[in-house]
Amino acid sequence: MYKLPEYLSVHVVADEKEKMISSLDNMGPEEMKVYVDASETSDIDAAGLQLLLSFYLTLKKEGKEFILQNPSDTLQRMLELSGAAYYLCEGGQ
């Protein structure tokens, strides 16, 4: 499981990207689902949305499923407003 930070913004996306890549490198080939815990993420900007969508597309390309778990109300609203919920939330696979 990958845990998102409280603030997913332009100030942290470079570090988060490296952490996401590292989490993929540590996955076994038999692991087909990647659970992303968003329970503590209360703020996200365009750079954070772009990072999540990029991670989703990378996983999809590798035949893996992106599963966003427990998004905060604020994060859920931002995903819906941006249209990213279609891809990142349940049912958008």
PDB file of N, CA and C in Angstrom:
ATOM      1  N   MET A   1       0.847  -1.181   0.000  1.00  0.00           N
ATOM      2  CA  MET A   1       0.000   0.000   0.000  1.00  0.00           C
ATOM      3  C   MET A   1       0.887   1.237   0.000  1.00  0.00           C
ATOM      4  N   TYR A   2       0.472   2.188  -0.792  1.00  0.00           N
ATOM      5  CA  TYR A   2       1.189   3.464  -0.852  1.00  0.00           C
ATOM      6  C   TYR A   2       0.344   4.510  -0.137  1.00  0.00           C
ATOM      7  N   LYS A   3       0.947   5.264   0.761  1.00  0.00           N
ATOM      8  CA  LYS A   3       0.219   6.271   1.536  1.00  0.00           C
ATOM      9  C   LYS A   3       0.565   7.669   1.020  1.00  0.00           C
ATOM     10  N   LEU A   4      -0.480   8.409   0.627  1.00  0.00           N
ATOM     11  CA  LEU A   4      -0.285   9.781   0.161  1.00  0.00           C
ATOM     12  C   LEU A   4      -0.060  10.720   1.343  1.00  0.00           C
ATOM     13  N   PRO A   5       0.667  11.800   1.130  1.00  0.00           N
ATOM     14  CA  PRO A   5       0.914  12.765   2.208  1.00  0.00           C
ATOM     15  C   PRO A   5      -0.318  13.647   2.444  1.00  0.00           C
ATOM     16  N   GLU A   6      -0.271  14.418   3.516  1.00  0.00           N
ATOM     17  CA  GLU A   6      -1.377  15.320   3.850  1.00  0.00           C
ATOM     18  C   GLU A   6      -1.564  16.372   2.759  1.00  0.00           C
ATOM     19  N   TYR A   7      -0.451  16.898   2.246  1.00  0.00           N
ATOM     20  CA  TYR A   7      -0.503  17.910   1.194  1.00  0.00           C
ATOM     21  C   TYR A   7       0.206  17.365  -0.035  1.00  0.00           C
ATOM     22  N   LEU A   8      -0.541  17.239  -1.122  1.00  0.00           N
ATOM     23  CA  LEU A   8       0.047  16.753  -2.365  1.00  0.00           C
ATOM     24  C   LEU A   8       0.071  17.928  -3.333  1.00  0.00           C
ATOM     25  N   SER A   9       1.174  18.663  -3.257  1.00  0.00           N
ATOM     26  CA  SER A   9       1.276  19.906  -4.018  1.00  0.00           C
ATOM     27  C   SER A   9       2.610  19.961  -4.756  1.00  0.00           C
ATOM     28  N   VAL A  10       2.762  21.016  -5.519  1.00  0.00           N
ATOM     29  CA  VAL A  10       3.967  21.220  -6.321  1.00  0.00           C
ATOM     30  C   VAL A  10       5.237  21.144  -5.463  1.00  0.00           C
ATOM     31  N   HIS A  11       5.111  21.451  -4.183  1.00  0.00           N
ATOM     32  CA  HIS A  11       6.276  21.463  -3.287  1.00  0.00           C
ATOM     33  C   HIS A  11       6.774  20.065  -2.934  1.00  0.00           C
ATOM     34  N   VAL A  12       5.924  19.050  -3.112  1.00  0.00           N
ATOM     35  CA  VAL A  12       6.318  17.693  -2.705  1.00  0.00           C
ATOM     36  C   VAL A  12       6.234  16.656  -3.813  1.00  0.00           C
ATOM     37  N   VAL A  13       5.740  17.039  -5.005  1.00  0.00           N
ATOM     38  CA  VAL A  13       5.514  16.020  -6.038  1.00  0.00           C
ATOM     39  C   VAL A  13       6.797  15.322  -6.489  1.00  0.00           C
ATOM     40  N   ALA A  14       7.911  16.011  -6.541  1.00  0.00           N
ATOM     41  CA  ALA A  14       9.159  15.362  -6.961  1.00  0.00           C
ATOM     42  C   ALA A  14       9.526  14.237  -5.990  1.00  0.00           C
ATOM     43  N   ASP A  15       9.435  14.515  -4.690  1.00  0.00           N
ATOM     44  CA  ASP A  15       9.732  13.485  -3.689  1.00  0.00           C
ATOM     45  C   ASP A  15       8.719  12.350  -3.747  1.00  0.00           C
ATOM     46  N   GLU A  16       7.446  12.702  -3.904  1.00  0.00           N
ATOM     47  CA  GLU A  16       6.398  11.678  -3.962  1.00  0.00           C
ATOM     48  C   GLU A  16       6.547  10.808  -5.196  1.00  0.00           C
ATOM     49  N   LYS A  17       6.946  11.396  -6.292  1.00  0.00           N
ATOM     50  CA  LYS A  17       7.162  10.622  -7.514  1.00  0.00           C
ATOM     51  C   LYS A  17       8.232   9.562  -7.277  1.00  0.00           C
ATOM     52  N   GLU A  18       9.327   9.960  -6.643  1.00  0.00           N
ATOM     53  CA  GLU A  18      10.398   9.010  -6.341  1.00  0.00           C
ATOM     54  C   GLU A  18       9.904   7.893  -5.423  1.00  0.00           C
ATOM     55  N   LYS A  19       9.079   8.245  -4.448  1.00  0.00           N
ATOM     56  CA  LYS A  19       8.528   7.236  -3.538  1.00  0.00           C
ATOM     57  C   LYS A  19       7.604   6.280  -4.282  1.00  0.00           C
ATOM     58  N   MET A  20       6.812   6.815  -5.208  1.00  0.00           N
ATOM     59  CA  MET A  20       5.905   5.968  -5.987  1.00  0.00           C
ATOM     60  C   MET A  20       6.701   5.000  -6.862  1.00  0.00           C
ATOM     61  N   ILE A  21       7.734   5.505  -7.513  1.00  0.00           N
ATOM     62  CA  ILE A  21       8.583   4.658  -8.361  1.00  0.00           C
ATOM     63  C   ILE A  21       9.233   3.562  -7.517  1.00  0.00           C
ATOM     64  N   SER A  22       9.704   3.945  -6.347  1.00  0.00           N
ATOM     65  CA  SER A  22      10.319   2.974  -5.446  1.00  0.00           C
ATOM     66  C   SER A  22       9.320   1.904  -5.021  1.00  0.00           C
ATOM     67  N   SER A  23       8.073   2.315  -4.747  1.00  0.00           N
ATOM     68  CA  SER A  23       7.059   1.341  -4.331  1.00  0.00           C
ATOM     69  C   SER A  23       6.764   0.362  -5.470  1.00  0.00           C
ATOM     70  N   LEU A  24       6.804   0.835  -6.716  1.00  0.00           N
ATOM     71  CA  LEU A  24       6.605  -0.057  -7.862  1.00  0.00           C
ATOM     72  C   LEU A  24       7.768  -1.030  -8.004  1.00  0.00           C
ATOM     73  N   ASP A  25       8.967  -0.529  -7.795  1.00  0.00           N
ATOM     74  CA  ASP A  25      10.150  -1.382  -7.904  1.00  0.00           C
ATOM     75  C   ASP A  25      10.139  -2.499  -6.864  1.00  0.00           C
ATOM     76  N   ASN A  26       9.487  -2.254  -5.727  1.00  0.00           N
ATOM     77  CA  ASN A  26       9.443  -3.234  -4.650  1.00  0.00           C
ATOM     78  C   ASN A  26       8.290  -4.222  -4.785  1.00  0.00           C
ATOM     79  N   MET A  27       7.434  -4.036  -5.784  1.00  0.00           N
ATOM     80  CA  MET A  27       6.303  -4.931  -5.993  1.00  0.00           C
ATOM     81  C   MET A  27       6.741  -6.168  -6.754  1.00  0.00           C
ATOM     82  N   GLY A  28       6.146  -7.265  -6.386  1.00  0.00           N
ATOM     83  CA  GLY A  28       6.387  -8.486  -7.144  1.00  0.00           C
ATOM     84  C   GLY A  28       5.523  -8.501  -8.398  1.00  0.00           C
ATOM     85  N   PRO A  29       5.928  -9.251  -9.402  1.00  0.00           N
ATOM     86  CA  PRO A  29       5.170  -9.287 -10.656  1.00  0.00           C
ATOM     87  C   PRO A  29       3.762  -9.851 -10.485  1.00  0.00           C
ATOM     88  N   GLU A  30       3.542 -10.630  -9.435  1.00  0.00           N
ATOM     89  CA  GLU A  30       2.223 -11.217  -9.200  1.00  0.00           C
ATOM     90  C   GLU A  30       1.246 -10.233  -8.545  1.00  0.00           C
ATOM     91  N   GLU A  31       1.751  -9.137  -8.031  1.00  0.00           N
ATOM     92  CA  GLU A  31       0.891  -8.130  -7.405  1.00  0.00           C
ATOM     93  C   GLU A  31       0.245  -7.288  -8.498  1.00  0.00           C
ATOM     94  N   MET A  32      -1.068  -7.425  -8.639  1.00  0.00           N
ATOM     95  CA  MET A  32      -1.779  -6.770  -9.724  1.00  0.00           C
ATOM     96  C   MET A  32      -2.545  -5.525  -9.278  1.00  0.00           C
ATOM     97  N   LYS A  33      -2.680  -5.339  -7.974  1.00  0.00           N
ATOM     98  CA  LYS A  33      -3.421  -4.189  -7.466  1.00  0.00           C
ATOM     99  C   LYS A  33      -2.515  -3.328  -6.592  1.00  0.00           C
ATOM    100  N   VAL A  34      -2.609  -2.028  -6.798  1.00  0.00           N
ATOM    101  CA  VAL A  34      -1.849  -1.084  -5.977  1.00  0.00           C
ATOM    102  C   VAL A  34      -2.851  -0.253  -5.208  1.00  0.00           C
ATOM    103  N   TYR A  35      -2.827  -0.399  -3.891  1.00  0.00           N
ATOM    104  CA  TYR A  35      -3.728   0.352  -3.020  1.00  0.00           C
ATOM    105  C   TYR A  35      -3.052   1.650  -2.612  1.00  0.00           C
ATOM    106  N   VAL A  36      -3.758   2.755  -2.814  1.00  0.00           N
ATOM    107  CA  VAL A  36      -3.231   4.080  -2.496  1.00  0.00           C
ATOM    108  C   VAL A  36      -4.116   4.669  -1.403  1.00  0.00           C
ATOM    109  N   ASP A  37      -3.551   4.808  -0.211  1.00  0.00           N
ATOM    110  CA  ASP A  37      -4.288   5.338   0.933  1.00  0.00           C
ATOM    111  C   ASP A  37      -4.264   6.864   0.890  1.00  0.00           C
ATOM    112  N   ALA A  38      -5.447   7.451   0.739  1.00  0.00           N
ATOM    113  CA  ALA A  38      -5.566   8.908   0.650  1.00  0.00           C
ATOM    114  C   ALA A  38      -6.288   9.490   1.856  1.00  0.00           C
ATOM    115  N   SER A  39      -6.347   8.753   2.941  1.00  0.00           N
ATOM    116  CA  SER A  39      -7.135   9.171   4.105  1.00  0.00           C
ATOM    117  C   SER A  39      -6.611  10.444   4.769  1.00  0.00           C
ATOM    118  N   GLU A  40      -5.323  10.711   4.635  1.00  0.00           N
ATOM    119  CA  GLU A  40      -4.761  11.896   5.290  1.00  0.00           C
ATOM    120  C   GLU A  40      -4.544  13.070   4.336  1.00  0.00           C
ATOM    121  N   THR A  41      -4.845  12.885   3.061  1.00  0.00           N
ATOM    122  CA  THR A  41      -4.615  13.946   2.072  1.00  0.00           C
ATOM    123  C   THR A  41      -5.764  14.943   2.122  1.00  0.00           C
ATOM    124  N   SER A  42      -5.450  16.136   2.582  1.00  0.00           N
ATOM    125  CA  SER A  42      -6.492  17.158   2.734  1.00  0.00           C
ATOM    126  C   SER A  42      -6.362  18.290   1.724  1.00  0.00           C
ATOM    127  N   ASP A  43      -5.242  18.311   0.990  1.00  0.00           N
ATOM    128  CA  ASP A  43      -5.049  19.384   0.015  1.00  0.00           C
ATOM    129  C   ASP A  43      -4.266  18.845  -1.175  1.00  0.00           C
ATOM    130  N   ILE A  44      -4.716  19.222  -2.369  1.00  0.00           N
ATOM    131  CA  ILE A  44      -4.053  18.792  -3.592  1.00  0.00           C
ATOM    132  C   ILE A  44      -4.145  19.918  -4.609  1.00  0.00           C
ATOM    133  N   ASP A  45      -3.091  20.112  -5.379  1.00  0.00           N
ATOM    134  CA  ASP A  45      -3.121  21.129  -6.434  1.00  0.00           C
ATOM    135  C   ASP A  45      -2.976  20.430  -7.782  1.00  0.00           C
ATOM    136  N   ALA A  46      -2.848  21.210  -8.843  1.00  0.00           N
ATOM    137  CA  ALA A  46      -2.768  20.643 -10.192  1.00  0.00           C
ATOM    138  C   ALA A  46      -1.576  19.701 -10.349  1.00  0.00           C
ATOM    139  N   ALA A  47      -0.465  20.031  -9.730  1.00  0.00           N
ATOM    140  CA  ALA A  47       0.720  19.169  -9.812  1.00  0.00           C
ATOM    141  C   ALA A  47       0.459  17.831  -9.123  1.00  0.00           C
ATOM    142  N   GLY A  48      -0.236  17.860  -8.008  1.00  0.00           N
ATOM    143  CA  GLY A  48      -0.591  16.635  -7.301  1.00  0.00           C
ATOM    144  C   GLY A  48      -1.552  15.781  -8.109  1.00  0.00           C
ATOM    145  N   LEU A  49      -2.539  16.412  -8.733  1.00  0.00           N
ATOM    146  CA  LEU A  49      -3.472  15.681  -9.599  1.00  0.00           C
ATOM    147  C   LEU A  49      -2.727  15.037 -10.767  1.00  0.00           C
ATOM    148  N   GLN A  50      -1.820  15.794 -11.355  1.00  0.00           N
ATOM    149  CA  GLN A  50      -1.046  15.277 -12.480  1.00  0.00           C
ATOM    150  C   GLN A  50      -0.220  14.065 -12.046  1.00  0.00           C
ATOM    151  N   LEU A  51       0.363  14.129 -10.865  1.00  0.00           N
ATOM    152  CA  LEU A  51       1.158  13.010 -10.360  1.00  0.00           C
ATOM    153  C   LEU A  51       0.285  11.771 -10.175  1.00  0.00           C
ATOM    154  N   LEU A  52      -0.898  11.938  -9.584  1.00  0.00           N
ATOM    155  CA  LEU A  52      -1.792  10.791  -9.386  1.00  0.00           C
ATOM    156  C   LEU A  52      -2.224  10.185 -10.717  1.00  0.00           C
ATOM    157  N   LEU A  53      -2.562  11.048 -11.676  1.00  0.00           N
ATOM    158  CA  LEU A  53      -2.964  10.541 -12.986  1.00  0.00           C
ATOM    159  C   LEU A  53      -1.806   9.840 -13.695  1.00  0.00           C
ATOM    160  N   SER A  54      -0.617  10.367 -13.547  1.00  0.00           N
ATOM    161  CA  SER A  54       0.564   9.745 -14.136  1.00  0.00           C
ATOM    162  C   SER A  54       0.810   8.363 -13.513  1.00  0.00           C
ATOM    163  N   PHE A  55       0.660   8.268 -12.203  1.00  0.00           N
ATOM    164  CA  PHE A  55       0.833   7.000 -11.497  1.00  0.00           C
ATOM    165  C   PHE A  55      -0.222   5.998 -11.974  1.00  0.00           C
ATOM    166  N   TYR A  56      -1.461   6.453 -12.098  1.00  0.00           N
ATOM    167  CA  TYR A  56      -2.554   5.618 -12.600  1.00  0.00           C
ATOM    168  C   TYR A  56      -2.208   5.072 -13.990  1.00  0.00           C
ATOM    169  N   LEU A  57      -1.752   5.958 -14.888  1.00  0.00           N
ATOM    170  CA  LEU A  57      -1.432   5.544 -16.259  1.00  0.00           C
ATOM    171  C   LEU A  57      -0.242   4.585 -16.309  1.00  0.00           C
ATOM    172  N   THR A  58       0.748   4.826 -15.462  1.00  0.00           N
ATOM    173  CA  THR A  58       1.904   3.930 -15.382  1.00  0.00           C
ATOM    174  C   THR A  58       1.470   2.538 -14.957  1.00  0.00           C
ATOM    175  N   LEU A  59       0.624   2.474 -13.936  1.00  0.00           N
ATOM    176  CA  LEU A  59       0.133   1.180 -13.458  1.00  0.00           C
ATOM    177  C   LEU A  59      -0.692   0.481 -14.532  1.00  0.00           C
ATOM    178  N   LYS A  60      -1.554   1.230 -15.181  1.00  0.00           N
ATOM    179  CA  LYS A  60      -2.403   0.657 -16.215  1.00  0.00           C
ATOM    180  C   LYS A  60      -1.543   0.069 -17.342  1.00  0.00           C
ATOM    181  N   LYS A  61      -0.506   0.791 -17.706  1.00  0.00           N
ATOM    182  CA  LYS A  61       0.411   0.339 -18.758  1.00  0.00           C
ATOM    183  C   LYS A  61       1.093  -0.970 -18.375  1.00  0.00           C
ATOM    184  N   GLU A  62       1.335  -1.150 -17.068  1.00  0.00           N
ATOM    185  CA  GLU A  62       1.981  -2.361 -16.570  1.00  0.00           C
ATOM    186  C   GLU A  62       0.973  -3.467 -16.247  1.00  0.00           C
ATOM    187  N   GLY A  63      -0.305  -3.205 -16.530  1.00  0.00           N
ATOM    188  CA  GLY A  63      -1.341  -4.204 -16.283  1.00  0.00           C
ATOM    189  C   GLY A  63      -1.766  -4.299 -14.833  1.00  0.00           C
ATOM    190  N   LYS A  64      -1.490  -3.250 -14.084  1.00  0.00           N
ATOM    191  CA  LYS A  64      -1.847  -3.231 -12.664  1.00  0.00           C
ATOM    192  C   LYS A  64      -3.029  -2.292 -12.437  1.00  0.00           C
ATOM    193  N   GLU A  65      -3.729  -2.515 -11.351  1.00  0.00           N
ATOM    194  CA  GLU A  65      -4.911  -1.726 -11.030  1.00  0.00           C
ATOM    195  C   GLU A  65      -4.600  -0.712  -9.921  1.00  0.00           C
ATOM    196  N   PHE A  66      -5.007   0.528 -10.138  1.00  0.00           N
ATOM    197  CA  PHE A  66      -4.854   1.621  -9.172  1.00  0.00           C
ATOM    198  C   PHE A  66      -6.130   1.661  -8.338  1.00  0.00           C
ATOM    199  N   ILE A  67      -6.002   1.536  -7.014  1.00  0.00           N
ATOM    200  CA  ILE A  67      -7.176   1.566  -6.138  1.00  0.00           C
ATOM    201  C   ILE A  67      -6.964   2.644  -5.083  1.00  0.00           C
ATOM    202  N   LEU A  68      -7.721   3.732  -5.207  1.00  0.00           N
ATOM    203  CA  LEU A  68      -7.643   4.835  -4.247  1.00  0.00           C
ATOM    204  C   LEU A  68      -8.556   4.519  -3.081  1.00  0.00           C
ATOM    205  N   GLN A  69      -7.999   4.505  -1.886  1.00  0.00           N
ATOM    206  CA  GLN A  69      -8.773   4.161  -0.698  1.00  0.00           C
ATOM    207  C   GLN A  69      -8.913   5.354   0.234  1.00  0.00           C
ATOM    208  N   ASN A  70     -10.095   5.479   0.789  1.00  0.00           N
ATOM    209  CA  ASN A  70     -10.397   6.449   1.849  1.00  0.00           C
ATOM    210  C   ASN A  70     -10.037   7.895   1.515  1.00  0.00           C
ATOM    211  N   PRO A  71     -10.386   8.395   0.330  1.00  0.00           N
ATOM    212  CA  PRO A  71     -10.074   9.807   0.071  1.00  0.00           C
ATOM    213  C   PRO A  71     -10.876  10.706   1.010  1.00  0.00           C
ATOM    214  N   SER A  72     -10.231  11.737   1.516  1.00  0.00           N
ATOM    215  CA  SER A  72     -10.935  12.693   2.377  1.00  0.00           C
ATOM    216  C   SER A  72     -12.020  13.371   1.549  1.00  0.00           C
ATOM    217  N   ASP A  73     -12.981  13.981   2.222  1.00  0.00           N
ATOM    218  CA  ASP A  73     -14.054  14.684   1.520  1.00  0.00           C
ATOM    219  C   ASP A  73     -13.487  15.769   0.609  1.00  0.00           C
ATOM    220  N   THR A  74     -12.487  16.483   1.097  1.00  0.00           N
ATOM    221  CA  THR A  74     -11.873  17.550   0.311  1.00  0.00           C
ATOM    222  C   THR A  74     -11.208  16.986  -0.945  1.00  0.00           C
ATOM    223  N   LEU A  75     -10.456  15.912  -0.782  1.00  0.00           N
ATOM    224  CA  LEU A  75      -9.789  15.300  -1.922  1.00  0.00           C
ATOM    225  C   LEU A  75     -10.819  14.762  -2.909  1.00  0.00           C
ATOM    226  N   GLN A  76     -11.836  14.116  -2.408  1.00  0.00           N
ATOM    227  CA  GLN A  76     -12.876  13.576  -3.284  1.00  0.00           C
ATOM    228  C   GLN A  76     -13.516  14.690  -4.109  1.00  0.00           C
ATOM    229  N   ARG A  77     -13.787  15.803  -3.476  1.00  0.00           N
ATOM    230  CA  ARG A  77     -14.403  16.945  -4.173  1.00  0.00           C
ATOM    231  C   ARG A  77     -13.468  17.479  -5.267  1.00  0.00           C
ATOM    232  N   MET A  78     -12.189  17.595  -4.957  1.00  0.00           N
ATOM    233  CA  MET A  78     -11.224  18.083  -5.949  1.00  0.00           C
ATOM    234  C   MET A  78     -11.113  17.122  -7.136  1.00  0.00           C
ATOM    235  N   LEU A  79     -11.152  15.836  -6.852  1.00  0.00           N
ATOM    236  CA  LEU A  79     -11.085  14.847  -7.925  1.00  0.00           C
ATOM    237  C   LEU A  79     -12.325  14.929  -8.809  1.00  0.00           C
ATOM    238  N   GLU A  80     -13.467  15.143  -8.190  1.00  0.00           N
ATOM    239  CA  GLU A  80     -14.706  15.267  -8.959  1.00  0.00           C
ATOM    240  C   GLU A  80     -14.714  16.539  -9.802  1.00  0.00           C
ATOM    241  N   LEU A  81     -14.306  17.662  -9.206  1.00  0.00           N
ATOM    242  CA  LEU A  81     -14.297  18.932  -9.936  1.00  0.00           C
ATOM    243  C   LEU A  81     -13.340  18.899 -11.133  1.00  0.00           C
ATOM    244  N   SER A  82     -12.238  18.204 -10.986  1.00  0.00           N
ATOM    245  CA  SER A  82     -11.230  18.162 -12.044  1.00  0.00           C
ATOM    246  C   SER A  82     -11.535  17.106 -13.111  1.00  0.00           C
ATOM    247  N   GLY A  83     -12.434  16.206 -12.807  1.00  0.00           N
ATOM    248  CA  GLY A  83     -12.714  15.104 -13.723  1.00  0.00           C
ATOM    249  C   GLY A  83     -11.824  13.901 -13.488  1.00  0.00           C
ATOM    250  N   ALA A  84     -10.867  14.025 -12.579  1.00  0.00           N
ATOM    251  CA  ALA A  84      -9.936  12.931 -12.307  1.00  0.00           C
ATOM    252  C   ALA A  84     -10.606  11.772 -11.572  1.00  0.00           C
ATOM    253  N   ALA A  85     -11.727  12.026 -10.919  1.00  0.00           N
ATOM    254  CA  ALA A  85     -12.426  10.966 -10.190  1.00  0.00           C
ATOM    255  C   ALA A  85     -12.818   9.827 -11.122  1.00  0.00           C
ATOM    256  N   TYR A  86     -13.112  10.157 -12.366  1.00  0.00           N
ATOM    257  CA  TYR A  86     -13.491   9.123 -13.338  1.00  0.00           C
ATOM    258  C   TYR A  86     -12.400   8.052 -13.442  1.00  0.00           C
ATOM    259  N   TYR A  87     -11.160   8.452 -13.367  1.00  0.00           N
ATOM    260  CA  TYR A  87     -10.050   7.531 -13.505  1.00  0.00           C
ATOM    261  C   TYR A  87      -9.539   6.996 -12.169  1.00  0.00           C
ATOM    262  N   LEU A  88      -9.548   7.845 -11.157  1.00  0.00           N
ATOM    263  CA  LEU A  88      -8.868   7.499  -9.910  1.00  0.00           C
ATOM    264  C   LEU A  88      -9.746   6.885  -8.836  1.00  0.00           C
ATOM    265  N   CYS A  89     -11.046   7.065  -8.941  1.00  0.00           N
ATOM    266  CA  CYS A  89     -11.941   6.537  -7.913  1.00  0.00           C
ATOM    267  C   CYS A  89     -12.600   5.254  -8.389  1.00  0.00           C
ATOM    268  N   GLU A  90     -13.130   4.526  -7.445  1.00  0.00           N
ATOM    269  CA  GLU A  90     -13.759   3.255  -7.750  1.00  0.00           C
ATOM    270  C   GLU A  90     -14.754   3.388  -8.895  1.00  0.00           C
ATOM    271  N   GLY A  91     -14.683   2.472  -9.814  1.00  0.00           N
ATOM    272  CA  GLY A  91     -15.575   2.505 -10.963  1.00  0.00           C
ATOM    273  C   GLY A  91     -14.962   3.187 -12.162  1.00  0.00           C
ATOM    274  N   GLY A  92     -13.837   3.851 -11.970  1.00  0.00           N
ATOM    275  CA  GLY A  92     -13.215   4.557 -13.073  1.00  0.00           C
ATOM    276  C   GLY A  92     -12.143   3.756 -13.777  1.00  0.00           C
ATOM    277  N   GLN A  93     -12.040   2.499 -13.471  1.00  0.00           N
ATOM    278  CA  GLN A  93     -11.002   1.661 -14.077  1.00  0.00           C
ATOM    279  C   GLN A  93     -11.418   1.317 -15.476  1.00  0.00           C
TER     280      GLN A  93
END
